[in-house]
Structure formats: C-alpha cells, structure tokens
C-alpha cells in the first residue's frame, strides 16, 4: 500500500494539534460571541491573550460582567484585539496590472513566531494574505494569488509560500483552511499539487512530492478496509466499491470565527441534530463554497445544509489531478512503485467520476449519497473535470454547453438565488480561472474568451469606479458582490491573482 507509514506520522502530528480559542476559553469565549461584544465573530477568535489562559479564566470567574460594557472592558483588559491594516488608497492613476503589482507588498506578511496564546500559526517565510478581515494565509486562495505573483514576476514569493505550505504539512499532517488554530480541524479544496507545481526549483522535487503524498494521506485516511457502502471522515466507498471523497471537518461544534452565527442557526433548528448541523456547516467551510445551494437539502435554506451527504465533483477532480501529479513526480524521481500506485488510484477515481458524477442530462455534477445518484444542480463546479483533463471530449463539449447559461459578465456560481454568497448572482475569481483553463484545454475557445472578457470588464469597471479590487462580484447586474456572513472585502488576493494572470496571458492546463 502507498499510505501506512505516512498515515502513522500524520496521526502523531495531528495528535499534537493546538486547541482553538473556543476550546481554551470555554464559557468566556461563548459569552463574548453570543452577546455580540464585537460585530464580527472573527475579532475575538483572533485576539491575543495578555496573560496565561488559567489566569484569565480565574479572573473571569470573579468578574460580574453583567452587562455588555463590563464584558467588553474585561476583554480589552485581558486581550489585544487584532488590527486590520488600512487598505491602500485608491490608485486610479495606475493601470489595473500596475495597481495589482503595487498591491503585493501591501498584502505580504512575515510571521516566523507568534505571541504566546495567539491563534495564529507561524510560517517560516513570507506569504500573501487575501486582505480585509482575512489576516492570515488561506489554502485555496493562495494558488490563484500565486498565479498572479508569477505573472508579476514575483517568483521569490511563490517559492516562499510553497515552503510555508510544506511546513504546515510537516507540523500538522495537513494544510488547514487558514493559518489559525481554529482552522486546523479542516482543510480546503486540495490545490497543493498545483501550488507545488509552480516551483521553478528542480532541486526541491523530492521534498515537494513527499509533501503531496502526505496531503493525499490526509484526504484518504480511513480508506483502507472500508467496505462498500462505508464512510469514514473524508472518504466514502459507494455500494459498487468505488472509492471517492467528500468534505468534512474533524469537529462538530460552532466554528470559532462564526460562533454566534452557527449557534443561532442550531438554536433556530430544533428538528436537527446539533452536532450533525455543526459538522455540515464546517464541511461547507472546508469546501470553500461557504455557503451554497449545492449543500442545501431544500436548495434554499441554510438550516437544511447536508454537505457531508454530498460527493463533490470539484474535490474528486482535484484529487484525481493530485494522484496523476504524484505519479508523474515519482516517475521523474525513478520511483516506479510509487508511480504505479498513484496511477492506479487516479485510474480508479477517473472511472468512478465518470460513473457517479455525470448527470445524464449532459453535465458533471455532485453525487447525492442518500439518493445514490447525481444531483440536478448545474453549478460552476462542473468545469473541474475539464480543468484536470479527465473528461472525454464528448462530455467536455456537453459540459461546456451546460456551463454557458451561467455566463454573464463573467461566470456565475449557480443559477439559484438564495442570498448565500456562493450562489447567483456572484462570480468568484477562482471559478473564472478553472473554467477558462478547462475550456481552453478542450478547445472551447469561444466560451472561454467570453468568460475571460466578461470578468476583466467587471473588475475593470469596479476599479474605475472605486479604485478597488473586491473579493467577489455580481456578474449579473454588474455590481459588487453580496451575501455571506461578513461585509464585502477588498484587497483582494485571488481577484488580484486571476485578473493579473488574465491580463498577461491566457490560462492553460
């Protein structure tokens, strides 16, 4: 087998995972969040304690803190709140590409060590943050940011961030959602094999391959011995024996950074098991699509979220790409047994995707574990099998036709309006890149160009109006994006990256 030794190693690393602020501060954390002492739940999750936990908790046990002003005063006396650096002033005098190049230093951070008690995770080298409230390095965001860094000639930062991701795998056996202790129980869409592939240092190939194999172990933990119809964390074996993956989270309590929102939803949904609902919310966050009609049982209401009952087409396409990439690296390194093992895994996954994640109406779709069939939802995720090159040409052409109705001023996310941010009318930078690259891979040039031109026009229009690059855009009404659990953010890492890439050269896979 290709996994046992690394799985044992990963288990030891995960066992040493530090506790999150909610786990450390218990009732204090709950009171601060539920009483909404700060408008954004992430504020207290990112606060740094001024004293050891035990001393703070002892002081809190003696604090009346009967009203919100007293509780806030207690927090301010015992914690240092995070500071979000001011966004650079609009620079409309610069062209869009020059403006993005000027933003990279504004979004670059170093954090080789962290203060005692901080929820931040240290990183050995420089890294780029998305911007706004997102003050740490995020997993799948970073791939699209790094594409833009390469287009800007910043290969130095690309190599630094690859090393940072490798350090996370070495320490924790996984790449967390973001570099905070409260993100360690989940990951995000596994783009690391593509991140590692951005390196131009041939001397690190063996190390990068080791990191990729360790990440594969994380996603496949529990697969060995799983019987047909069985499920374990992120792996599922369907009744025909096909082995596929789903999004998950190792915890089943409120997210630290969205504690009040999660707890309020559970309180308002008495008909559902609280732990299951928390886990499905967390798994939705691991998907990166937090939140979307893709995960909702009724297609509309967040209380019906059932992320862990869905086998996602994007996740399994990326894992197929990861397995193919590891096999290629192993061949280059002369490890034929490794190459054969991962080639076989990719082959089996490709067959399973074609069998279970294809909707006969003519597009790739998620698979519903309970209904035992593909879902009917047409979403931008259907582009992923094209992006990784696993789609047969006729299915790629059919999927392109199914994708076309989602295209406005850029590619929309779904065709459903729910108020969730990963639904219509929003368009997101990573999905533009995935679709454009996937379509061009199969010579669907007209649709790819339509998406690229629409996206660039949308970004340029907002930049001309406000001097900003935003986290997401309304690609239907040509407006800034909306929805979600927090205000619209500017900065913005992956928008900068994809836009800069499209301005310099068309994406290809």
Protein backbone atom coordinates (compact mmCIF):
# COMPACT_ATOMS: atom_id res chain seq x y z
CA UNK A 1 0.00 0.00 0.00
CA UNK A 2 1.17 3.60 -0.58
CA UNK A 3 -0.06 5.08 2.72
CA UNK A 4 0.68 3.30 6.04
CA UNK A 5 3.92 4.94 7.19
CA UNK A 6 2.83 8.48 6.40
CA UNK A 7 -0.58 7.90 7.95
CA UNK A 8 1.11 6.90 11.19
CA UNK A 9 3.27 10.01 11.02
CA UNK A 10 0.28 12.22 10.25
CA UNK A 11 -1.59 10.78 13.21
CA UNK A 12 1.22 11.77 15.57
CA UNK A 13 1.31 15.29 14.17
CA UNK A 14 -2.44 15.75 14.39
CA UNK A 15 -2.43 14.46 17.98
CA UNK A 16 -0.30 17.48 18.88
CA UNK A 17 -2.73 19.95 17.27
CA UNK A 18 -3.12 23.06 19.45
CA UNK A 19 -6.52 23.94 20.86
CA UNK A 20 -8.58 26.74 19.38
CA UNK A 21 -9.70 29.80 21.39
CA UNK A 22 -13.20 28.35 21.86
CA UNK A 23 -11.72 25.16 23.27
CA UNK A 24 -9.33 27.07 25.53
CA UNK A 25 -11.62 29.75 26.92
CA UNK A 26 -14.93 27.89 27.13
CA UNK A 27 -17.65 29.98 28.79
CA UNK A 28 -15.74 33.23 28.32
CA UNK A 29 -15.46 32.66 24.58
CA UNK A 30 -19.11 31.64 24.35
CA UNK A 31 -20.29 34.69 26.30
CA UNK A 32 -18.28 37.15 24.23
CA UNK A 33 -19.53 35.67 20.97
CA UNK A 34 -23.17 35.09 21.89
CA UNK A 35 -23.53 38.56 23.40
CA UNK A 36 -22.00 40.04 20.21
CA UNK A 37 -19.44 42.12 22.03
CA UNK A 38 -17.80 42.59 18.64
CA UNK A 39 -19.77 42.78 15.38
CA UNK A 40 -17.53 40.21 13.67
CA UNK A 41 -17.13 36.85 15.42
CA UNK A 42 -13.62 36.57 13.96
CA UNK A 43 -12.39 39.51 16.05
CA UNK A 44 -12.28 37.67 19.37
CA UNK A 45 -11.08 34.45 17.71
CA UNK A 46 -8.02 36.40 16.53
CA UNK A 47 -7.42 38.29 19.79
CA UNK A 48 -4.17 37.65 21.67
CA UNK A 49 -4.33 36.97 25.44
CA UNK A 50 -2.23 39.22 27.65
CA UNK A 51 -1.83 36.51 30.34
CA UNK A 52 -1.87 32.71 30.61
CA UNK A 53 -5.24 31.11 29.94
CA UNK A 54 -5.65 29.89 33.52
CA UNK A 55 -5.12 33.38 34.93
CA UNK A 56 -7.64 34.91 32.53
CA UNK A 57 -10.23 32.24 33.31
CA UNK A 58 -9.68 32.70 37.04
CA UNK A 59 -10.23 36.44 36.67
CA UNK A 60 -13.36 35.80 34.63
CA UNK A 61 -14.80 33.55 37.31
CA UNK A 62 -14.62 36.56 39.65
CA UNK A 63 -15.98 39.05 37.12
CA UNK A 64 -19.62 40.05 37.39
CA UNK A 65 -19.58 41.18 33.74
CA UNK A 66 -23.32 41.59 33.99
CA UNK A 67 -23.71 43.95 31.09
CA UNK A 68 -22.02 44.10 27.73
CA UNK A 69 -19.94 47.14 28.62
CA UNK A 70 -18.41 45.28 31.58
CA UNK A 71 -17.72 42.21 29.49
CA UNK A 72 -16.09 44.27 26.75
CA UNK A 73 -13.96 46.06 29.35
CA UNK A 74 -12.85 42.67 30.68
CA UNK A 75 -11.86 41.52 27.20
CA UNK A 76 -9.96 44.72 26.43
CA UNK A 77 -8.07 44.41 29.72
CA UNK A 78 -7.09 40.79 29.09
CA UNK A 79 -6.68 40.59 25.30
CA UNK A 80 -5.11 42.55 22.47
CA UNK A 81 -7.55 42.85 19.61
CA UNK A 82 -6.42 42.27 16.03
CA UNK A 83 -5.74 45.27 13.83
CA UNK A 84 -6.56 45.14 10.15
CA UNK A 85 -4.10 47.31 8.22
CA UNK A 86 -5.80 50.08 6.29
CA UNK A 87 -6.28 49.30 2.63
CA UNK A 88 -4.03 51.35 0.38
CA UNK A 89 -5.76 54.42 -1.04
CA UNK A 90 -7.30 54.05 -4.50
CA UNK A 91 -4.72 54.50 -7.22
CA UNK A 92 -6.82 55.18 -10.28
CA UNK A 93 -3.85 56.82 -11.94
CA UNK A 94 -2.30 53.38 -12.32
CA UNK A 95 -3.45 50.87 -14.89
CA UNK A 96 -5.05 47.74 -13.48
CA UNK A 97 -1.99 45.49 -13.89
CA UNK A 98 0.33 48.12 -12.36
CA UNK A 99 -2.09 48.60 -9.47
CA UNK A 100 -2.09 44.86 -8.74
CA UNK A 101 1.71 44.77 -8.87
CA UNK A 102 1.74 47.61 -6.33
CA UNK A 103 -0.66 45.74 -4.05
CA UNK A 104 1.53 42.67 -3.47
CA UNK A 105 3.80 44.37 -0.91
CA UNK A 106 0.70 45.67 0.88
CA UNK A 107 -0.60 42.11 1.27
CA UNK A 108 2.71 40.42 2.13
CA UNK A 109 3.34 39.31 5.71
CA UNK A 110 6.02 37.58 7.77
CA UNK A 111 5.28 35.58 10.91
CA UNK A 112 8.21 33.32 11.90
CA UNK A 113 6.95 33.28 15.50
CA UNK A 114 3.70 34.17 17.24
CA UNK A 115 2.96 35.64 20.69
CA UNK A 116 2.09 33.17 23.42
CA UNK A 117 -1.55 32.20 23.26
CA UNK A 118 -2.16 33.59 19.78
CA UNK A 119 -4.48 31.65 17.50
CA UNK A 120 -2.14 32.43 14.59
CA UNK A 121 0.15 29.74 13.18
CA UNK A 122 3.73 30.73 12.47
CA UNK A 123 5.19 30.38 8.99
CA UNK A 124 8.90 30.28 8.18
CA UNK A 125 8.82 32.53 5.12
CA UNK A 126 6.86 35.40 3.61
CA UNK A 127 3.27 34.92 2.50
CA UNK A 128 0.43 36.88 0.92
CA UNK A 129 -2.93 37.33 2.65
CA UNK A 130 -6.26 37.93 0.87
CA UNK A 131 -6.90 41.26 2.60
CA UNK A 132 -9.54 42.86 4.82
CA UNK A 133 -10.56 40.65 7.76
CA UNK A 134 -8.56 37.80 6.28
CA UNK A 135 -5.25 38.48 8.02
CA UNK A 136 -3.70 35.01 7.58
CA UNK A 137 -2.69 32.76 4.69
CA UNK A 138 -5.55 30.75 3.23
CA UNK A 139 -5.23 27.45 1.40
CA UNK A 140 -7.05 27.50 -1.93
CA UNK A 141 -6.99 31.29 -2.17
CA UNK A 142 -3.22 31.10 -2.35
CA UNK A 143 -2.99 29.10 -5.58
CA UNK A 144 -4.82 31.81 -7.50
CA UNK A 145 -2.87 34.54 -5.72
CA UNK A 146 0.38 32.79 -6.64
CA UNK A 147 -0.58 32.65 -10.31
CA UNK A 148 -0.76 36.43 -10.20
CA UNK A 149 2.55 36.65 -8.36
CA UNK A 150 4.19 34.70 -11.17
CA UNK A 151 2.62 36.99 -13.75
CA UNK A 152 4.01 39.94 -11.78
CA UNK A 153 7.49 38.43 -11.76
CA UNK A 154 7.40 37.58 -8.04
CA UNK A 155 8.69 34.00 -8.20
CA UNK A 156 10.54 34.70 -4.95
CA UNK A 157 7.23 34.96 -3.09
CA UNK A 158 5.89 31.89 -4.86
CA UNK A 159 8.81 29.78 -3.63
CA UNK A 160 8.40 31.19 -0.12
CA UNK A 161 4.72 30.27 0.01
CA UNK A 162 5.37 26.72 -1.23
CA UNK A 163 7.80 26.29 1.66
CA UNK A 164 5.19 27.71 4.05
CA UNK A 165 2.62 25.17 2.91
CA UNK A 166 5.15 22.39 3.26
CA UNK A 167 5.87 23.47 6.80
CA UNK A 168 2.17 23.14 7.65
CA UNK A 169 2.10 19.60 6.29
CA UNK A 170 5.24 18.75 8.28
CA UNK A 171 3.73 20.09 11.51
CA UNK A 172 0.08 19.10 11.22
CA UNK A 173 -0.16 16.41 8.55
CA UNK A 174 -2.48 18.63 6.53
CA UNK A 175 -2.92 22.10 5.10
CA UNK A 176 -5.56 23.83 7.21
CA UNK A 177 -8.29 26.08 5.84
CA UNK A 178 -6.14 29.02 7.01
CA UNK A 179 -3.23 29.62 9.34
CA UNK A 180 -5.17 29.81 12.62
CA UNK A 181 -5.55 27.14 15.27
CA UNK A 182 -9.31 27.19 14.79
CA UNK A 183 -8.88 26.17 11.14
CA UNK A 184 -6.83 23.05 11.88
CA UNK A 185 -9.81 20.70 12.00
CA UNK A 186 -10.48 21.17 8.31
CA UNK A 187 -8.68 21.78 5.05
CA UNK A 188 -9.86 23.31 1.77
CA UNK A 189 -10.01 22.22 -1.89
CA UNK A 190 -6.69 20.40 -2.41
CA UNK A 191 -4.80 22.67 -4.78
CA UNK A 192 -1.40 22.00 -3.22
CA UNK A 193 -0.22 19.76 -6.07
CA UNK A 194 -0.76 22.74 -8.38
CA UNK A 195 0.81 25.13 -5.87
CA UNK A 196 3.87 22.85 -5.65
CA UNK A 197 3.94 22.69 -9.44
CA UNK A 198 4.52 26.46 -9.60
CA UNK A 199 8.04 25.96 -8.21
CA UNK A 200 10.97 26.54 -10.54
CA UNK A 201 13.44 24.90 -8.18
CA UNK A 202 14.07 21.42 -9.56
CA UNK A 203 16.15 20.57 -6.51
CA UNK A 204 13.05 20.51 -4.30
CA UNK A 205 11.11 17.97 -6.38
CA UNK A 206 11.58 15.11 -3.93
CA UNK A 207 10.57 17.26 -0.97
CA UNK A 208 7.53 18.66 -2.77
CA UNK A 209 6.48 15.13 -3.75
CA UNK A 210 6.79 13.98 -0.14
CA UNK A 211 4.51 16.82 0.93
CA UNK A 212 2.00 15.93 -1.80
CA UNK A 213 1.93 12.30 -0.70
CA UNK A 214 1.40 13.33 2.92
CA UNK A 215 -1.52 15.51 1.91
CA UNK A 216 -3.00 12.63 -0.08
CA UNK A 217 -2.75 10.52 3.08
CA UNK A 218 -4.76 13.12 4.95
CA UNK A 219 -7.60 13.07 2.45
CA UNK A 220 -7.61 9.27 2.20
CA UNK A 221 -7.33 8.48 5.93
CA UNK A 222 -9.66 5.58 6.77
CA UNK A 223 -9.93 4.30 3.20
CA UNK A 224 -8.07 1.05 3.79
CA UNK A 225 -10.53 -1.67 4.73
CA UNK A 226 -13.59 0.49 4.07
CA UNK A 227 -16.36 -1.81 2.86
CA UNK A 228 -18.91 -0.99 0.12
CA UNK A 229 -21.42 1.49 1.49
CA UNK A 230 -18.96 2.53 4.23
CA UNK A 231 -17.97 6.07 5.15
CA UNK A 232 -15.16 7.47 7.26
CA UNK A 233 -14.40 11.18 7.60
CA UNK A 234 -13.45 12.37 4.10
CA UNK A 235 -13.68 9.02 2.30
CA UNK A 236 -16.72 7.10 1.12
CA UNK A 237 -16.96 3.77 -0.65
CA UNK A 238 -20.09 3.52 -2.75
CA UNK A 239 -22.10 0.32 -2.95
CA UNK A 240 -20.33 -0.74 -6.15
CA UNK A 241 -16.96 -0.40 -4.41
CA UNK A 242 -15.99 2.95 -5.96
CA UNK A 243 -13.80 5.00 -3.60
CA UNK A 244 -14.46 8.76 -3.60
CA UNK A 245 -14.17 11.70 -1.24
CA UNK A 246 -16.35 14.29 0.48
CA UNK A 247 -15.79 17.43 2.50
CA UNK A 248 -15.68 17.03 6.28
CA UNK A 249 -14.44 18.66 9.49
CA UNK A 250 -12.97 16.85 12.47
CA UNK A 251 -15.05 18.97 14.87
CA UNK A 252 -18.80 19.20 15.35
CA UNK A 253 -19.27 22.39 17.37
CA UNK A 254 -19.66 26.05 16.34
CA UNK A 255 -16.84 27.49 14.24
CA UNK A 256 -14.72 29.87 16.34
CA UNK A 257 -14.78 32.54 13.63
CA UNK A 258 -18.57 32.26 13.11
CA UNK A 259 -19.56 31.07 16.57
CA UNK A 260 -22.66 33.19 17.09
CA UNK A 261 -23.97 32.57 13.59
CA UNK A 262 -23.62 28.80 13.90
CA UNK A 263 -25.07 28.61 17.40
CA UNK A 264 -28.03 30.80 16.44
CA UNK A 265 -28.80 28.62 13.42
CA UNK A 266 -28.75 25.47 15.53
CA UNK A 267 -30.97 27.09 18.17
CA UNK A 268 -33.47 28.02 15.46
CA UNK A 269 -33.45 24.48 14.00
CA UNK A 270 -34.69 22.21 16.81
CA UNK A 271 -35.61 19.41 14.42
CA UNK A 272 -31.99 18.65 13.52
CA UNK A 273 -29.25 17.02 15.50
CA UNK A 274 -26.99 19.88 16.58
CA UNK A 275 -23.71 18.02 16.08
CA UNK A 276 -24.66 16.97 12.56
CA UNK A 277 -25.67 20.50 11.66
CA UNK A 278 -22.43 21.95 13.04
CA UNK A 279 -20.41 19.36 11.12
CA UNK A 280 -22.22 20.14 7.88
CA UNK A 281 -21.61 23.87 8.34
CA UNK A 282 -17.93 23.18 8.96
CA UNK A 283 -17.71 20.84 5.96
CA UNK A 284 -19.27 23.59 3.86
CA UNK A 285 -16.43 25.83 5.02
CA UNK A 286 -13.89 23.17 4.02
CA UNK A 287 -15.41 23.16 0.53
CA UNK A 288 -14.58 26.85 0.10
CA UNK A 289 -18.19 27.33 -1.05
CA UNK A 290 -19.47 28.64 2.27
CA UNK A 291 -22.28 28.64 1.61
CA UNK A 292 -24.13 27.47 -1.49
CA UNK A 293 -27.32 25.81 -2.66
CA UNK A 294 -25.07 22.88 -3.62
CA UNK A 295 -25.13 21.79 0.02
CA UNK A 296 -28.72 22.64 0.96
CA UNK A 297 -31.30 19.89 1.26
CA UNK A 298 -34.12 22.10 0.01
CA UNK A 299 -31.81 24.10 -2.26
CA UNK A 300 -32.71 27.32 -0.44
CA UNK A 301 -32.37 27.25 3.34
CA UNK A 302 -29.12 27.09 5.31
CA UNK A 303 -30.79 25.07 8.09
CA UNK A 304 -31.09 22.17 5.60
CA UNK A 305 -27.35 22.04 4.88
CA UNK A 306 -26.08 18.47 4.34
CA UNK A 307 -22.58 18.91 2.95
CA UNK A 308 -21.35 15.55 4.28
CA UNK A 309 -24.03 13.72 2.27
CA UNK A 310 -22.63 15.07 -0.99
CA UNK A 311 -19.72 13.66 -3.02
CA UNK A 312 -18.43 16.82 -4.75
CA UNK A 313 -17.23 16.85 -8.34
CA UNK A 314 -14.63 19.58 -7.71
CA UNK A 315 -12.98 17.77 -4.78
CA UNK A 316 -12.74 14.46 -6.59
CA UNK A 317 -11.44 16.09 -9.76
CA UNK A 318 -8.67 17.77 -7.78
CA UNK A 319 -7.76 14.51 -6.07
CA UNK A 320 -7.57 12.87 -9.49
CA UNK A 321 -5.21 15.64 -10.54
CA UNK A 322 -3.20 15.17 -7.36
CA UNK A 323 -2.82 11.44 -7.96
CA UNK A 324 -1.76 11.98 -11.55
CA UNK A 325 0.75 14.63 -10.47
CA UNK A 326 2.26 12.48 -7.72
CA UNK A 327 2.62 9.60 -10.17
CA UNK A 328 4.39 11.87 -12.67
CA UNK A 329 6.76 13.18 -10.00
CA UNK A 330 7.54 9.66 -8.80
CA UNK A 331 8.39 8.59 -12.34
CA UNK A 332 10.73 11.57 -12.63
CA UNK A 333 12.34 10.57 -9.33
CA UNK A 334 12.75 6.96 -10.50
CA UNK A 335 10.27 5.50 -8.00
CA UNK A 336 8.32 3.15 -10.25
CA UNK A 337 6.33 1.50 -7.45
CA UNK A 338 5.07 4.87 -6.25
CA UNK A 339 4.19 5.91 -9.80
CA UNK A 340 2.27 2.70 -10.43
CA UNK A 341 0.32 3.02 -7.17
CA UNK A 342 -0.83 6.57 -7.78
CA UNK A 343 -1.52 5.90 -11.46
CA UNK A 344 -3.85 3.10 -10.39
CA UNK A 345 -5.55 5.34 -7.82
CA UNK A 346 -6.13 8.03 -10.46
CA UNK A 347 -7.45 5.49 -12.95
CA UNK A 348 -9.93 4.11 -10.44
CA UNK A 349 -11.04 7.59 -9.41
CA UNK A 350 -11.49 8.65 -13.01
CA UNK A 351 -13.74 5.65 -13.68
CA UNK A 352 -15.75 6.43 -10.53
CA UNK A 353 -16.18 10.09 -11.51
CA UNK A 354 -17.41 9.13 -14.97
CA UNK A 355 -19.84 6.61 -13.48
CA UNK A 356 -21.19 8.51 -10.49
CA UNK A 357 -20.60 12.24 -11.09
CA UNK A 358 -22.10 12.56 -14.55
CA UNK A 359 -25.68 13.73 -14.88
CA UNK A 360 -27.26 12.11 -17.98
CA UNK A 361 -28.77 15.50 -18.82
CA UNK A 362 -25.28 16.35 -20.07
CA UNK A 363 -23.02 17.79 -17.36
CA UNK A 364 -20.78 16.85 -14.44
CA UNK A 365 -22.48 17.11 -11.07
CA UNK A 366 -22.13 16.22 -7.40
CA UNK A 367 -23.34 12.81 -6.20
CA UNK A 368 -26.02 12.53 -3.51
CA UNK A 369 -25.07 9.72 -1.12
CA UNK A 370 -28.61 9.21 0.12
CA UNK A 371 -30.36 9.34 -3.25
CA UNK A 372 -27.48 7.37 -4.84
CA UNK A 373 -27.49 9.49 -7.98
CA UNK A 374 -26.02 12.73 -9.34
CA UNK A 375 -27.70 15.94 -8.24
CA UNK A 376 -29.62 18.08 -10.71
CA UNK A 377 -27.80 21.29 -9.76
CA UNK A 378 -25.91 22.98 -12.58
CA UNK A 379 -23.03 24.84 -10.98
CA UNK A 380 -19.64 26.22 -11.96
CA UNK A 381 -18.10 23.16 -10.29
CA UNK A 382 -18.92 21.20 -13.45
CA UNK A 383 -15.81 22.76 -15.04
CA UNK A 384 -13.39 20.89 -12.77
CA UNK A 385 -13.23 17.61 -14.75
CA UNK A 386 -12.24 19.72 -17.75
CA UNK A 387 -9.70 21.64 -15.67
CA UNK A 388 -7.87 18.46 -14.63
CA UNK A 389 -8.23 16.83 -18.05
CA UNK A 390 -10.20 13.74 -17.10
CA UNK A 391 -13.30 14.41 -19.24
CA UNK A 392 -13.73 12.53 -22.54
CA UNK A 393 -14.13 15.03 -25.37
CA UNK A 394 -17.89 14.47 -25.93
CA UNK A 395 -18.61 15.03 -22.24
CA UNK A 396 -16.39 18.10 -22.16
CA UNK A 397 -18.34 19.55 -25.09
CA UNK A 398 -21.67 18.77 -23.43
CA UNK A 399 -20.48 20.31 -20.17
CA UNK A 400 -19.43 23.46 -22.00
CA UNK A 401 -22.96 23.77 -23.38
CA UNK A 402 -24.38 23.29 -19.88
CA UNK A 403 -21.97 25.88 -18.45
CA UNK A 404 -22.85 28.59 -20.97
CA UNK A 405 -26.12 29.72 -19.31
CA UNK A 406 -24.17 30.62 -16.16
CA UNK A 407 -22.08 33.16 -18.05
CA UNK A 408 -22.90 36.85 -17.75
CA UNK A 409 -20.23 39.46 -17.10
CA UNK A 410 -18.04 36.55 -16.08
CA UNK A 411 -19.02 33.09 -14.87
CA UNK A 412 -21.74 32.86 -12.24
CA UNK A 413 -21.55 30.30 -9.47
CA UNK A 414 -25.00 28.71 -9.66
CA UNK A 415 -28.36 29.51 -11.26
CA UNK A 416 -30.15 29.81 -7.89
CA UNK A 417 -30.64 32.94 -5.75
CA UNK A 418 -30.59 32.04 -2.07
CA UNK A 419 -28.81 35.01 -0.52
CA UNK A 420 -25.79 32.77 0.06
CA UNK A 421 -22.57 34.16 -1.36
CA UNK A 422 -21.71 31.09 -3.46
CA UNK A 423 -24.89 31.35 -5.48
CA UNK A 424 -26.28 33.61 -8.18
CA UNK A 425 -25.55 36.44 -8.87
CA UNK A 426 -21.99 36.24 -7.56
CA UNK A 427 -18.93 35.36 -9.59
CA UNK A 428 -15.64 34.42 -7.94
CA UNK A 429 -12.10 34.67 -9.29
CA UNK A 430 -11.06 31.02 -8.77
CA UNK A 431 -14.05 29.69 -10.69
CA UNK A 432 -13.28 32.01 -13.61
CA UNK A 433 -9.77 30.61 -13.86
CA UNK A 434 -10.81 26.96 -13.50
CA UNK A 435 -13.48 27.30 -16.17
CA UNK A 436 -11.33 29.28 -18.62
CA UNK A 437 -8.40 26.88 -18.28
CA UNK A 438 -10.65 23.82 -18.53
CA UNK A 439 -12.50 25.08 -21.58
CA UNK A 440 -9.28 26.05 -23.35
CA UNK A 441 -7.87 22.62 -22.60
CA UNK A 442 -10.69 21.19 -24.72
CA UNK A 443 -10.52 23.96 -27.36
CA UNK A 444 -13.79 25.55 -26.28
CA UNK A 445 -12.22 28.89 -27.06
CA UNK A 446 -15.32 30.97 -27.69
CA UNK A 447 -16.87 30.31 -24.29
CA UNK A 448 -13.51 30.64 -22.51
CA UNK A 449 -12.92 34.03 -24.13
CA UNK A 450 -16.44 35.16 -23.29
CA UNK A 451 -15.86 34.37 -19.61
CA UNK A 452 -12.42 36.00 -19.54
CA UNK A 453 -13.56 39.15 -21.30
CA UNK A 454 -16.63 39.45 -19.10
CA UNK A 455 -14.63 39.01 -15.90
CA UNK A 456 -11.97 41.53 -16.87
CA UNK A 457 -14.65 44.05 -17.84
CA UNK A 458 -16.39 43.54 -14.49
CA UNK A 459 -13.19 44.00 -12.48
CA UNK A 460 -12.09 46.98 -14.57
CA UNK A 461 -15.49 48.66 -14.20
CA UNK A 462 -15.37 48.49 -10.39
CA UNK A 463 -11.72 49.56 -10.34
CA UNK A 464 -12.57 52.62 -12.43
CA UNK A 465 -15.46 53.43 -10.07
CA UNK A 466 -13.78 52.86 -6.69
CA UNK A 467 -10.10 52.06 -7.20
CA UNK A 468 -10.65 48.68 -5.51
CA UNK A 469 -10.40 45.00 -6.32
CA UNK A 470 -13.07 43.02 -4.49
CA UNK A 471 -13.46 39.54 -3.08
CA UNK A 472 -16.45 38.76 -5.35
CA UNK A 473 -18.61 40.45 -7.98
CA UNK A 474 -22.22 40.40 -9.07
CA UNK A 475 -21.79 39.18 -12.65
CA UNK A 476 -25.48 39.53 -13.50
CA UNK A 477 -26.23 43.16 -12.55
CA UNK A 478 -22.62 44.38 -12.90
CA UNK A 479 -22.30 45.32 -9.23
CA UNK A 480 -20.07 44.47 -6.26
CA UNK A 481 -20.90 41.02 -4.87
CA UNK A 482 -23.10 40.43 -1.84
CA UNK A 483 -24.37 37.83 0.62
CA UNK A 484 -22.41 35.81 3.13
CA UNK A 485 -21.63 36.08 6.84
CA UNK A 486 -19.48 39.22 6.70
CA UNK A 487 -19.23 42.51 4.74
CA UNK A 488 -17.73 42.54 1.27
CA UNK A 489 -13.94 42.52 1.50
CA UNK A 490 -11.46 44.36 -0.67
CA UNK A 491 -7.79 43.69 -1.26
CA UNK A 492 -8.10 41.08 -2.69
CA UNK A 493 -5.68 38.19 -3.12
CA UNK A 494 -7.31 35.80 -5.56
CA UNK A 495 -9.05 38.52 -7.55
CA UNK A 496 -5.69 40.21 -7.97
CA UNK A 497 -4.07 36.92 -8.96
CA UNK A 498 -6.59 35.76 -11.54
CA UNK A 499 -7.03 39.23 -13.02
CA UNK A 500 -3.28 39.76 -13.31
CA UNK A 501 -2.92 36.35 -14.96
CA UNK A 502 -5.68 37.01 -17.49
CA UNK A 503 -4.16 40.41 -18.30
CA UNK A 504 -0.75 38.88 -19.01
CA UNK A 505 -1.50 35.51 -20.63
CA UNK A 506 -4.47 33.17 -21.08
CA UNK A 507 -4.63 30.32 -18.58
CA UNK A 508 -3.87 26.83 -19.83
CA UNK A 509 -3.72 23.48 -18.09
